[in-house]
Amino acid sequence: MTHWPHTLQLIGSRTLGGAERWFQRFNVALAAHSAPVTLGIRRGSALATLDYAGLTPHQLPFLSVWDPWSRRAVSRLIAQTRPEIVQTYMGRATRLTHLDQLPPAHRPRHVARLGGYYQLKPYRHADAWIGNTRGLCDWLIANGLPAARVQHIYNFVDPPRWRSANEINQLRAAWHIPAEAWALVTLGRFVPVKGHRDLLAAAAQLPAEIDGRRWYLILVGDGPLRADLTRQAEQAGIAAQVRWCGWQADPSAWLQLADLIVFPSLDAETLGNVILEAWAWQRPLVTTPFRGARELVRHGEDGWTVAGNDAKLFARAIELVLKDAALRAGLVNNGARRIEREFTRAVIMEQYRAYYNQLIGG
């Protein structure tokens, strides 16, 4: 039987975003592989509302990045569960995990998993680091982390769970999206790096109809920019064609509904799980050439890349893809092949299993 070390997975987030969705997806995959795993999340956080396939997370204080109560709570959980590896996500959980005072015989390996270009001081005390893009790993090494202990492993996406045509029709009807209309879908928190301002500016440059079909821009997400973005859509005169669908723990129905996935992130975006989701759901993709897209997307083959800060150019790219059925089919087919070769759960989880065993000398 394939051996999985016992891991403790720790995250201190309060709200949900891409990293939190990955935490859920990854730990559900560990459970599916019968890997021994313990979860630790922030008490009272939105993470407590998610389904972990039968796993019950321990709820820890995670009050701040330095508080001694949380640090002791982490240490107690490690002592109780005795994992072989502790994997931490983002700064708070990583800062509060310090294993140097444990006896060597009982000391697990500490792996910090990074999904962004963060300040590295809170992460340097870990034993090893996982970065979810090659570019991020190169940056970690360039900033002083030892190359031998930096590991690149991409994210995976689960295969689509298709809804019935009736369910999708009902979803369209509920949000007043006509059956014959183009559905342009974007997913992400309403924060500056996601580029929603640029997308709305581009939408304002689109004609009311493309190839005789009215379009609707569907924003799946929420966040601090919601009021500003709503005002921007109203001032641009496109509010009637914009749908604000809120944060969705499971956005699969919206991915299935989409005629086009649009991903307008700014350059600071590290990976962009939406790219992988577009490919997995066999939906054509228009994206800006941010860092993650430059590493992943092959322009004109599996996605269409366009500068997001040029509203007219961005709008023309959306219109071009929607008008060209052959182009859309090519983007979809090539993206599906990329998923199958590089980003399935089986491929990525085997990389994690091998790396975990390497860390503990197994």
Protein backbone atom coordinates (compact mmCIF):
# COMPACT_ATOMS: atom_id res chain seq x y z
CA MET A 1 0.00 0.00 0.00
CA THR A 2 1.21 3.48 -0.81
CA HIS A 3 2.45 5.13 2.38
CA TRP A 4 1.22 8.54 3.46
CA PRO A 5 2.83 10.13 6.54
CA HIS A 6 0.52 11.56 9.18
CA THR A 7 0.20 15.30 8.60
CA LEU A 8 -1.25 18.15 10.60
CA GLN A 9 -2.63 20.84 8.27
CA LEU A 10 -2.95 24.31 9.86
CA ILE A 11 -4.56 27.49 8.52
CA GLY A 12 -5.47 30.64 10.44
CA SER A 13 -7.72 32.50 8.00
CA ARG A 14 -10.99 34.10 9.08
CA THR A 15 -12.69 34.48 5.68
CA LEU A 16 -12.81 32.41 2.50
CA GLY A 17 -10.75 32.94 -0.62
CA GLY A 18 -8.66 30.96 -3.07
CA ALA A 19 -6.19 29.70 -0.47
CA GLU A 20 -9.00 28.50 1.76
CA ARG A 21 -10.74 26.72 -1.11
CA TRP A 22 -7.42 24.99 -1.85
CA PHE A 23 -7.04 23.98 1.82
CA GLN A 24 -10.45 22.32 1.68
CA ARG A 25 -9.82 20.65 -1.68
CA PHE A 26 -6.39 19.36 -0.67
CA ASN A 27 -7.56 17.89 2.62
CA VAL A 28 -10.58 16.25 1.04
CA ALA A 29 -8.11 14.65 -1.38
CA LEU A 30 -5.97 13.44 1.54
CA ALA A 31 -9.06 11.85 3.06
CA ALA A 32 -9.90 10.20 -0.28
CA HIS A 33 -6.41 8.67 -0.30
CA SER A 34 -6.91 7.38 3.26
CA ALA A 35 -3.97 9.50 4.32
CA PRO A 36 -3.77 10.11 8.09
CA VAL A 37 -4.46 13.81 8.51
CA THR A 38 -5.47 16.22 11.27
CA LEU A 39 -6.85 19.67 10.53
CA GLY A 40 -6.48 22.86 12.56
CA ILE A 41 -8.45 25.99 11.62
CA ARG A 42 -9.31 29.32 13.21
CA ARG A 43 -12.12 29.12 15.75
CA GLY A 44 -15.34 30.64 14.46
CA SER A 45 -13.95 31.24 10.98
CA ALA A 46 -15.76 30.68 7.69
CA LEU A 47 -13.54 27.61 7.22
CA ALA A 48 -15.63 25.87 9.88
CA THR A 49 -18.61 25.94 7.52
CA LEU A 50 -16.89 23.85 4.82
CA ASP A 51 -17.21 20.12 4.20
CA TYR A 52 -14.01 18.12 4.74
CA ALA A 53 -15.32 14.70 3.71
CA GLY A 54 -15.76 13.41 7.24
CA LEU A 55 -12.74 15.13 8.80
CA THR A 56 -13.52 17.27 11.84
CA PRO A 57 -11.13 20.22 12.17
CA HIS A 58 -9.74 21.25 15.54
CA GLN A 59 -10.63 24.89 16.15
CA LEU A 60 -7.71 26.93 17.50
CA PRO A 61 -7.64 30.57 18.65
CA PHE A 62 -5.29 31.99 15.96
CA LEU A 63 -5.98 35.40 17.55
CA SER A 64 -3.00 37.18 16.01
CA VAL A 65 0.37 36.38 14.46
CA TRP A 66 2.17 36.40 17.79
CA ASP A 67 -0.21 35.63 20.68
CA PRO A 68 1.13 33.05 23.16
CA TRP A 69 -2.29 31.38 23.70
CA SER A 70 -2.49 30.37 20.06
CA ARG A 71 1.12 29.23 20.01
CA ARG A 72 0.48 27.02 23.03
CA ALA A 73 -2.70 25.67 21.42
CA VAL A 74 -0.73 24.66 18.33
CA SER A 75 1.92 22.99 20.49
CA ARG A 76 -0.73 21.08 22.46
CA LEU A 77 -2.38 19.83 19.26
CA ILE A 78 0.98 18.64 17.94
CA ALA A 79 1.67 16.84 21.24
CA GLN A 80 -1.78 15.20 21.19
CA THR A 81 -1.77 14.06 17.57
CA ARG A 82 1.99 13.48 17.02
CA PRO A 83 2.07 14.11 13.26
CA GLU A 84 5.15 13.39 11.19
CA ILE A 85 4.68 16.58 9.18
CA VAL A 86 3.05 19.90 10.06
CA GLN A 87 2.01 21.87 6.97
CA THR A 88 1.08 25.50 7.51
CA TYR A 89 -0.70 27.88 5.18
CA MET A 90 -0.05 31.61 4.99
CA GLY A 91 1.52 33.82 7.64
CA ARG A 92 -0.57 33.43 10.77
CA ALA A 93 -0.46 29.67 11.13
CA THR A 94 3.20 29.61 10.10
CA ARG A 95 4.27 32.25 12.62
CA LEU A 96 2.51 30.39 15.42
CA THR A 97 4.11 27.04 14.63
CA HIS A 98 7.53 26.70 16.23
CA LEU A 99 8.87 23.19 16.73
CA ASP A 100 12.47 23.92 17.73
CA GLN A 101 11.83 23.29 21.45
CA LEU A 102 10.46 19.78 20.94
CA PRO A 103 12.76 16.81 21.54
CA PRO A 104 14.32 15.72 18.22
CA ALA A 105 12.77 12.26 18.51
CA HIS A 106 9.26 13.75 18.64
CA ARG A 107 9.76 16.69 16.33
CA PRO A 108 7.73 16.65 13.10
CA ARG A 109 8.95 18.35 9.96
CA HIS A 110 7.49 21.79 9.42
CA VAL A 111 6.50 22.57 5.81
CA ALA A 112 5.26 26.06 4.95
CA ARG A 113 3.06 26.06 1.87
CA LEU A 114 3.10 29.40 0.05
CA GLY A 115 0.71 30.60 -2.61
CA GLY A 116 1.98 34.17 -2.86
CA TYR A 117 4.97 36.50 -2.77
CA TYR A 118 4.81 37.22 0.94
CA GLN A 119 7.30 38.79 3.31
CA LEU A 120 9.54 35.81 4.08
CA LYS A 121 10.52 36.58 7.66
CA PRO A 122 7.51 34.68 9.09
CA TYR A 123 8.37 31.62 7.00
CA ARG A 124 12.14 31.23 7.38
CA HIS A 125 11.97 29.08 10.53
CA ALA A 126 10.21 26.24 8.67
CA ASP A 127 12.13 23.14 7.63
CA ALA A 128 10.91 23.20 4.02
CA TRP A 129 8.73 25.25 1.71
CA ILE A 130 6.26 24.34 -1.05
CA GLY A 131 5.51 26.93 -3.73
CA ASN A 132 2.63 26.48 -6.14
CA THR A 133 4.39 27.96 -9.19
CA ARG A 134 7.91 27.66 -10.54
CA GLY A 135 8.21 31.43 -10.56
CA LEU A 136 7.39 31.59 -6.85
CA CYS A 137 9.94 28.87 -6.04
CA ASP A 138 12.63 30.70 -8.02
CA TRP A 139 11.81 33.84 -6.04
CA LEU A 140 12.01 31.98 -2.71
CA ILE A 141 15.46 30.69 -3.60
CA ALA A 142 16.60 34.10 -4.88
CA ASN A 143 15.56 35.53 -1.50
CA GLY A 144 17.75 33.21 0.49
CA LEU A 145 15.82 29.99 1.11
CA PRO A 146 17.96 26.91 0.44
CA ALA A 147 17.13 25.44 -2.97
CA ALA A 148 17.34 21.86 -1.67
CA ARG A 149 14.40 22.52 0.66
CA VAL A 150 12.14 24.42 -1.75
CA GLN A 151 9.70 22.22 -3.66
CA HIS A 152 7.46 23.21 -6.55
CA ILE A 153 4.04 21.52 -6.69
CA TYR A 154 1.13 22.99 -8.65
CA ASN A 155 -2.48 22.96 -7.47
CA PHE A 156 -4.96 20.49 -8.90
CA VAL A 157 -8.62 20.85 -9.74
CA ASP A 158 -11.23 18.17 -9.26
CA PRO A 159 -13.10 16.84 -12.29
CA PRO A 160 -16.41 18.59 -13.01
CA ARG A 161 -19.55 17.45 -11.25
CA TRP A 162 -22.05 18.24 -13.96
CA ARG A 163 -25.51 19.55 -13.07
CA SER A 164 -28.57 18.69 -15.08
CA ALA A 165 -29.65 21.02 -17.87
CA ASN A 166 -32.75 21.78 -15.83
CA GLU A 167 -30.67 22.97 -12.86
CA ILE A 168 -28.61 25.27 -15.08
CA ASN A 169 -31.75 26.64 -16.71
CA GLN A 170 -33.22 27.31 -13.28
CA LEU A 171 -30.03 29.10 -12.24
CA ARG A 172 -30.19 31.30 -15.33
CA ALA A 173 -33.85 32.06 -14.67
CA ALA A 174 -33.22 32.88 -11.00
CA TRP A 175 -30.60 35.46 -11.99
CA HIS A 176 -32.50 36.77 -15.03
CA ILE A 177 -29.93 35.59 -17.55
CA PRO A 178 -31.79 34.70 -20.76
CA ALA A 179 -31.11 31.25 -22.19
CA GLU A 180 -29.83 32.69 -25.46
CA ALA A 181 -27.50 35.25 -23.82
CA TRP A 182 -23.72 34.95 -23.49
CA ALA A 183 -22.69 34.23 -19.88
CA LEU A 184 -19.30 35.78 -19.09
CA VAL A 185 -18.19 34.44 -15.71
CA THR A 186 -15.39 35.60 -13.44
CA LEU A 187 -14.54 34.21 -10.00
CA GLY A 188 -12.56 35.83 -7.21
CA ARG A 189 -12.64 38.03 -4.14
CA PHE A 190 -13.34 41.70 -4.70
CA VAL A 191 -9.84 42.87 -3.84
CA PRO A 192 -7.50 44.99 -6.00
CA VAL A 193 -5.28 42.16 -7.26
CA LYS A 194 -8.22 40.42 -8.94
CA GLY A 195 -8.58 43.22 -11.49
CA HIS A 196 -12.37 43.59 -11.43
CA ARG A 197 -12.10 47.33 -12.14
CA ASP A 198 -10.34 46.56 -15.43
CA LEU A 199 -12.93 43.94 -16.33
CA LEU A 200 -15.84 46.32 -15.75
CA ALA A 201 -14.06 48.99 -17.77
CA ALA A 202 -13.69 46.49 -20.62
CA ALA A 203 -17.33 45.40 -20.33
CA ALA A 204 -18.35 49.04 -20.75
CA GLN A 205 -16.59 48.97 -24.15
CA LEU A 206 -18.52 45.93 -25.42
CA PRO A 207 -21.45 46.34 -27.76
CA ALA A 208 -24.81 45.47 -26.19
CA GLU A 209 -24.94 42.33 -28.35
CA ILE A 210 -22.22 40.10 -29.78
CA ASP A 211 -23.15 37.99 -32.77
CA GLY A 212 -26.79 38.83 -32.13
CA ARG A 213 -26.71 37.69 -28.52
CA ARG A 214 -26.88 39.94 -25.46
CA TRP A 215 -24.11 39.35 -22.92
CA TYR A 216 -24.20 39.23 -19.12
CA LEU A 217 -21.17 39.60 -16.86
CA ILE A 218 -21.47 37.30 -13.85
CA LEU A 219 -19.24 38.07 -10.88
CA VAL A 220 -18.93 35.19 -8.44
CA GLY A 221 -17.32 36.55 -5.30
CA ASP A 222 -17.46 39.22 -2.65
CA GLY A 223 -15.11 41.45 -0.74
CA PRO A 224 -14.23 44.98 0.34
CA LEU A 225 -14.47 46.48 -3.18
CA ARG A 226 -18.09 45.41 -3.70
CA ALA A 227 -19.60 48.88 -3.23
CA ASP A 228 -16.98 50.57 -5.42
CA LEU A 229 -17.40 48.02 -8.19
CA THR A 230 -21.18 48.27 -8.08
CA ARG A 231 -20.91 52.03 -8.39
CA GLN A 232 -18.49 51.67 -11.31
CA ALA A 233 -20.93 49.41 -13.19
CA GLU A 234 -23.78 51.86 -12.58
CA GLN A 235 -21.75 54.86 -13.71
CA ALA A 236 -20.62 52.99 -16.85
CA GLY A 237 -24.23 52.23 -17.77
CA ILE A 238 -23.81 48.43 -17.71
CA ALA A 239 -25.47 47.60 -14.39
CA ALA A 240 -28.40 45.89 -16.14
CA GLN A 241 -25.98 43.40 -17.69
CA VAL A 242 -23.96 42.65 -14.53
CA ARG A 243 -24.91 40.00 -11.99
CA TRP A 244 -23.43 40.01 -8.46
CA CYS A 245 -23.75 36.40 -7.31
CA GLY A 246 -21.80 36.52 -4.05
CA TRP A 247 -19.21 34.17 -2.65
CA GLN A 248 -19.87 30.53 -3.52
CA ALA A 249 -18.13 27.77 -1.57
CA ASP A 250 -18.98 25.54 -4.54
CA PRO A 251 -18.94 27.60 -7.76
CA SER A 252 -19.37 24.57 -10.03
CA ALA A 253 -22.82 25.56 -11.32
CA TRP A 254 -21.49 28.95 -12.41
CA LEU A 255 -18.55 27.33 -14.19
CA GLN A 256 -20.93 25.03 -16.02
CA LEU A 257 -23.22 27.91 -16.95
CA ALA A 258 -20.36 29.96 -18.43
CA ASP A 259 -19.91 30.49 -22.15
CA LEU A 260 -16.61 32.22 -21.39
CA ILE A 261 -14.41 32.45 -18.29
CA VAL A 262 -12.76 35.86 -17.93
CA PHE A 263 -9.90 36.22 -15.46
CA PRO A 264 -8.63 39.82 -15.16
CA SER A 265 -6.04 39.54 -12.35
CA LEU A 266 -3.20 42.00 -11.97
CA ASP A 267 0.44 40.94 -12.17
CA ALA A 268 0.74 40.21 -8.43
CA GLU A 269 -1.56 37.16 -8.80
CA THR A 270 0.66 34.13 -8.22
CA LEU A 271 -1.13 31.17 -9.81
CA GLY A 272 -4.81 31.74 -10.52
CA ASN A 273 -6.84 28.58 -9.84
CA VAL A 274 -9.54 29.93 -12.16
CA ILE A 275 -7.30 29.10 -15.12
CA LEU A 276 -7.25 25.44 -14.09
CA GLU A 277 -10.98 25.48 -13.41
CA ALA A 278 -11.72 26.89 -16.87
CA TRP A 279 -9.68 24.09 -18.44
CA ALA A 280 -11.26 21.40 -16.26
CA TRP A 281 -14.78 22.60 -17.06
CA GLN A 282 -13.92 22.86 -20.75
CA ARG A 283 -14.72 26.52 -20.98
CA PRO A 284 -12.82 29.02 -23.18
CA LEU A 285 -10.61 31.37 -21.21
CA VAL A 286 -9.69 35.03 -21.66
CA THR A 287 -7.10 36.14 -19.12
CA THR A 288 -4.66 38.94 -18.46
CA PRO A 289 -0.94 38.02 -18.65
CA PHE A 290 -0.29 38.14 -14.91
CA ARG A 291 2.55 36.11 -13.39
CA GLY A 292 0.64 32.87 -13.06
CA ALA A 293 -0.89 33.14 -16.53
CA ARG A 294 2.52 33.79 -18.11
CA GLU A 295 3.74 30.54 -16.58
CA LEU A 296 0.66 28.44 -17.37
CA VAL A 297 -1.22 29.77 -20.39
CA ARG A 298 -0.13 29.32 -24.00
CA HIS A 299 -1.68 32.25 -25.79
CA GLY A 300 -3.97 31.22 -28.62
CA GLU A 301 -3.66 27.53 -27.73
CA ASP A 302 -5.33 26.98 -24.34
CA GLY A 303 -6.23 30.56 -23.42
CA TRP A 304 -6.39 34.06 -24.86
CA THR A 305 -4.23 36.59 -23.05
CA VAL A 306 -4.77 40.33 -23.27
CA ALA A 307 -3.60 43.39 -21.36
CA GLY A 308 -6.21 44.20 -18.75
CA ASN A 309 -5.31 47.87 -18.37
CA ASP A 310 -6.38 48.66 -21.96
CA ALA A 311 -10.18 48.53 -21.79
CA LYS A 312 -10.73 48.69 -25.56
CA LEU A 313 -8.17 45.96 -26.26
CA PHE A 314 -9.60 43.80 -23.47
CA ALA A 315 -13.12 44.22 -24.86
CA ARG A 316 -11.98 43.38 -28.40
CA ALA A 317 -10.38 40.16 -27.12
CA ILE A 318 -13.61 39.09 -25.42
CA GLU A 319 -15.59 39.89 -28.55
CA LEU A 320 -13.10 38.08 -30.79
CA VAL A 321 -13.28 34.85 -28.78
CA LEU A 322 -17.07 34.91 -28.55
CA LYS A 323 -17.42 35.40 -32.30
CA ASP A 324 -15.05 32.56 -33.26
CA ALA A 325 -16.50 29.12 -32.48
CA ALA A 326 -13.46 27.32 -33.89
CA LEU A 327 -11.13 29.34 -31.68
CA ARG A 328 -13.22 28.59 -28.61
CA ALA A 329 -13.22 24.86 -29.40
CA GLY A 330 -9.44 24.86 -29.79
CA LEU A 331 -8.90 26.66 -26.48
CA VAL A 332 -11.22 24.20 -24.74
CA ASN A 333 -9.66 21.05 -26.22
CA ASN A 334 -6.09 22.11 -25.52
CA GLY A 335 -6.93 23.21 -21.99
CA ALA A 336 -8.59 19.86 -21.27
CA ARG A 337 -5.43 18.08 -22.43
CA ARG A 338 -3.30 20.24 -20.13
CA ILE A 339 -5.47 19.31 -17.16
CA GLU A 340 -5.25 15.60 -17.90
CA ARG A 341 -1.47 15.63 -18.25
CA GLU A 342 -0.46 18.06 -15.52
CA PHE A 343 -3.16 19.09 -13.05
CA THR A 344 -5.36 16.17 -12.05
CA ARG A 345 -5.77 15.20 -8.43
CA ALA A 346 -3.89 11.94 -9.03
CA VAL A 347 -0.86 13.70 -10.56
CA ILE A 348 -0.53 16.39 -7.89
CA MET A 349 -1.30 14.19 -4.88
CA GLU A 350 1.38 11.72 -5.92
CA GLN A 351 3.86 14.59 -5.96
CA TYR A 352 2.82 15.54 -2.42
CA ARG A 353 3.02 11.94 -1.20
CA ALA A 354 6.52 11.52 -2.65
CA TYR A 355 7.72 14.80 -1.18
CA TYR A 356 6.30 14.08 2.27
CA ASN A 357 8.09 10.74 2.32
CA GLN A 358 11.29 12.39 1.16
CA LEU A 359 11.06 14.86 4.05
CA ILE A 360 10.76 12.14 6.69
CA GLY A 361 13.26 9.86 5.01
CA GLY A 362 10.63 7.31 4.03
